Amino acid sequence: MTNPTDTEQSWFRTITRPASRMIFTVLALVAFVAGIALGVALPEYQLWFQVPAVVILMVWFLVMTLHYRRTRTRRA
């Protein structure tokens, strides 16, 4: 793994810049934590809360990875 330079965009910068991506990141992480917590608090509805929470986190990771790869290939 290489250290990011001025010409490369880091993963952290990808998920926090611009502000719309930071809002999407915060919402996805809050939804994940809330889904897991509600699944633990209400075991009879565990799958109804935890499965969407995990799906939201997976979609967030996929979208941010695509943004990260797109910016890296555009600059290379």
C-alpha atoms as a PDB file:
ATOM      1  CA  MET A   1       0.000   0.000   0.000  1.00  0.00           C
ATOM      2  CA  THR A   2       1.369   3.393  -0.924  1.00  0.00           C
ATOM      3  CA  ASN A   3       1.135   6.628   0.971  1.00  0.00           C
ATOM      4  CA  PRO A   4      -1.252   9.130  -0.569  1.00  0.00           C
ATOM      5  CA  THR A   5       0.355  12.112  -2.220  1.00  0.00           C
ATOM      6  CA  ASP A   6      -1.069  15.408  -3.362  1.00  0.00           C
ATOM      7  CA  THR A   7      -2.142  13.872  -6.657  1.00  0.00           C
ATOM      8  CA  GLU A   8      -3.931  10.902  -5.083  1.00  0.00           C
ATOM      9  CA  GLN A   9      -7.143  11.096  -3.106  1.00  0.00           C
ATOM     10  CA  SER A  10      -7.249   9.120   0.123  1.00  0.00           C
ATOM     11  CA  TRP A  11     -10.108   6.838   1.127  1.00  0.00           C
ATOM     12  CA  PHE A  12     -10.990   9.164   4.031  1.00  0.00           C
ATOM     13  CA  ARG A  13     -11.150  12.185   1.753  1.00  0.00           C
ATOM     14  CA  THR A  14     -13.331  10.199  -0.650  1.00  0.00           C
ATOM     15  CA  ILE A  15     -15.955   9.473   1.998  1.00  0.00           C
ATOM     16  CA  THR A  16     -15.924  12.970   3.550  1.00  0.00           C
ATOM     17  CA  ARG A  17     -15.512  15.371   0.617  1.00  0.00           C
ATOM     18  CA  PRO A  18     -17.762  16.932  -0.667  1.00  0.00           C
ATOM     19  CA  ALA A  19     -20.204  17.478   2.187  1.00  0.00           C
ATOM     20  CA  SER A  20     -22.923  15.420   0.487  1.00  0.00           C
ATOM     21  CA  ARG A  21     -20.750  12.296   0.779  1.00  0.00           C
ATOM     22  CA  MET A  22     -20.037  13.047   4.436  1.00  0.00           C
ATOM     23  CA  ILE A  23     -23.767  13.331   5.115  1.00  0.00           C
ATOM     24  CA  PHE A  24     -24.339  10.038   3.272  1.00  0.00           C
ATOM     25  CA  THR A  25     -21.538   8.437   5.316  1.00  0.00           C
ATOM     26  CA  VAL A  26     -22.896   9.664   8.641  1.00  0.00           C
ATOM     27  CA  LEU A  27     -26.444   8.600   7.779  1.00  0.00           C
ATOM     28  CA  ALA A  28     -25.295   5.150   6.689  1.00  0.00           C
ATOM     29  CA  LEU A  29     -23.271   4.593   9.857  1.00  0.00           C
ATOM     30  CA  VAL A  30     -26.060   5.893  12.112  1.00  0.00           C
ATOM     31  CA  ALA A  31     -28.590   3.666  10.341  1.00  0.00           C
ATOM     32  CA  PHE A  32     -26.267   0.681  10.760  1.00  0.00           C
ATOM     33  CA  VAL A  33     -25.734   1.269  14.476  1.00  0.00           C
ATOM     34  CA  ALA A  34     -29.442   1.931  15.041  1.00  0.00           C
ATOM     35  CA  GLY A  35     -30.422  -1.231  13.162  1.00  0.00           C
ATOM     36  CA  ILE A  36     -28.031  -3.401  15.118  1.00  0.00           C
ATOM     37  CA  ALA A  37     -29.071  -1.817  18.435  1.00  0.00           C
ATOM     38  CA  LEU A  38     -32.769  -2.243  17.686  1.00  0.00           C
ATOM     39  CA  GLY A  39     -32.171  -5.847  16.660  1.00  0.00           C
ATOM     40  CA  VAL A  40     -30.499  -6.524  19.990  1.00  0.00           C
ATOM     41  CA  ALA A  41     -33.181  -4.644  21.957  1.00  0.00           C
ATOM     42  CA  LEU A  42     -36.055  -6.370  20.174  1.00  0.00           C
ATOM     43  CA  PRO A  43     -34.948  -9.959  19.515  1.00  0.00           C
ATOM     44  CA  GLU A  44     -38.313 -10.979  18.052  1.00  0.00           C
ATOM     45  CA  TYR A  45     -37.733  -8.478  15.205  1.00  0.00           C
ATOM     46  CA  GLN A  46     -33.989  -9.004  14.949  1.00  0.00           C
ATOM     47  CA  LEU A  47     -33.888  -9.825  11.233  1.00  0.00           C
ATOM     48  CA  TRP A  48     -36.223  -6.953  10.364  1.00  0.00           C
ATOM     49  CA  PHE A  49     -33.713  -4.476  11.800  1.00  0.00           C
ATOM     50  CA  GLN A  50     -30.319  -6.070  11.289  1.00  0.00           C
ATOM     51  CA  VAL A  51     -30.625  -7.227   7.673  1.00  0.00           C
ATOM     52  CA  PRO A  52     -31.495  -3.745   6.344  1.00  0.00           C
ATOM     53  CA  ALA A  53     -28.718  -2.278   8.514  1.00  0.00           C
ATOM     54  CA  VAL A  54     -26.144  -4.582   6.954  1.00  0.00           C
ATOM     55  CA  VAL A  55     -27.502  -3.968   3.443  1.00  0.00           C
ATOM     56  CA  ILE A  56     -27.265  -0.196   3.975  1.00  0.00           C
ATOM     57  CA  LEU A  57     -23.648  -0.557   5.089  1.00  0.00           C
ATOM     58  CA  MET A  58     -22.809  -2.775   2.109  1.00  0.00           C
ATOM     59  CA  VAL A  59     -24.380  -0.324  -0.357  1.00  0.00           C
ATOM     60  CA  TRP A  60     -22.522   2.574   1.290  1.00  0.00           C
ATOM     61  CA  PHE A  61     -19.211   0.708   1.015  1.00  0.00           C
ATOM     62  CA  LEU A  62     -19.862  -0.195  -2.638  1.00  0.00           C
ATOM     63  CA  VAL A  63     -20.756   3.383  -3.591  1.00  0.00           C
ATOM     64  CA  MET A  64     -17.744   4.854  -1.804  1.00  0.00           C
ATOM     65  CA  THR A  65     -15.424   2.254  -3.326  1.00  0.00           C
ATOM     66  CA  LEU A  66     -16.710   3.109  -6.793  1.00  0.00           C
ATOM     67  CA  HIS A  67     -16.114   6.830  -6.121  1.00  0.00           C
ATOM     68  CA  TYR A  68     -12.622   6.084  -4.822  1.00  0.00           C
ATOM     69  CA  ARG A  69     -11.699   3.913  -7.806  1.00  0.00           C
ATOM     70  CA  ARG A  70     -13.157   6.424 -10.254  1.00  0.00           C
ATOM     71  CA  THR A  71     -11.076   9.272  -8.828  1.00  0.00           C
ATOM     72  CA  ARG A  72      -7.910   7.142  -8.789  1.00  0.00           C
ATOM     73  CA  THR A  73      -8.286   5.977 -12.399  1.00  0.00           C
ATOM     74  CA  ARG A  74      -9.135   9.481 -13.582  1.00  0.00           C
ATOM     75  CA  ARG A  75      -5.902  10.867 -12.043  1.00  0.00           C
ATOM     76  CA  ALA A  76      -3.648   7.990 -13.159  1.00  0.00           C
END
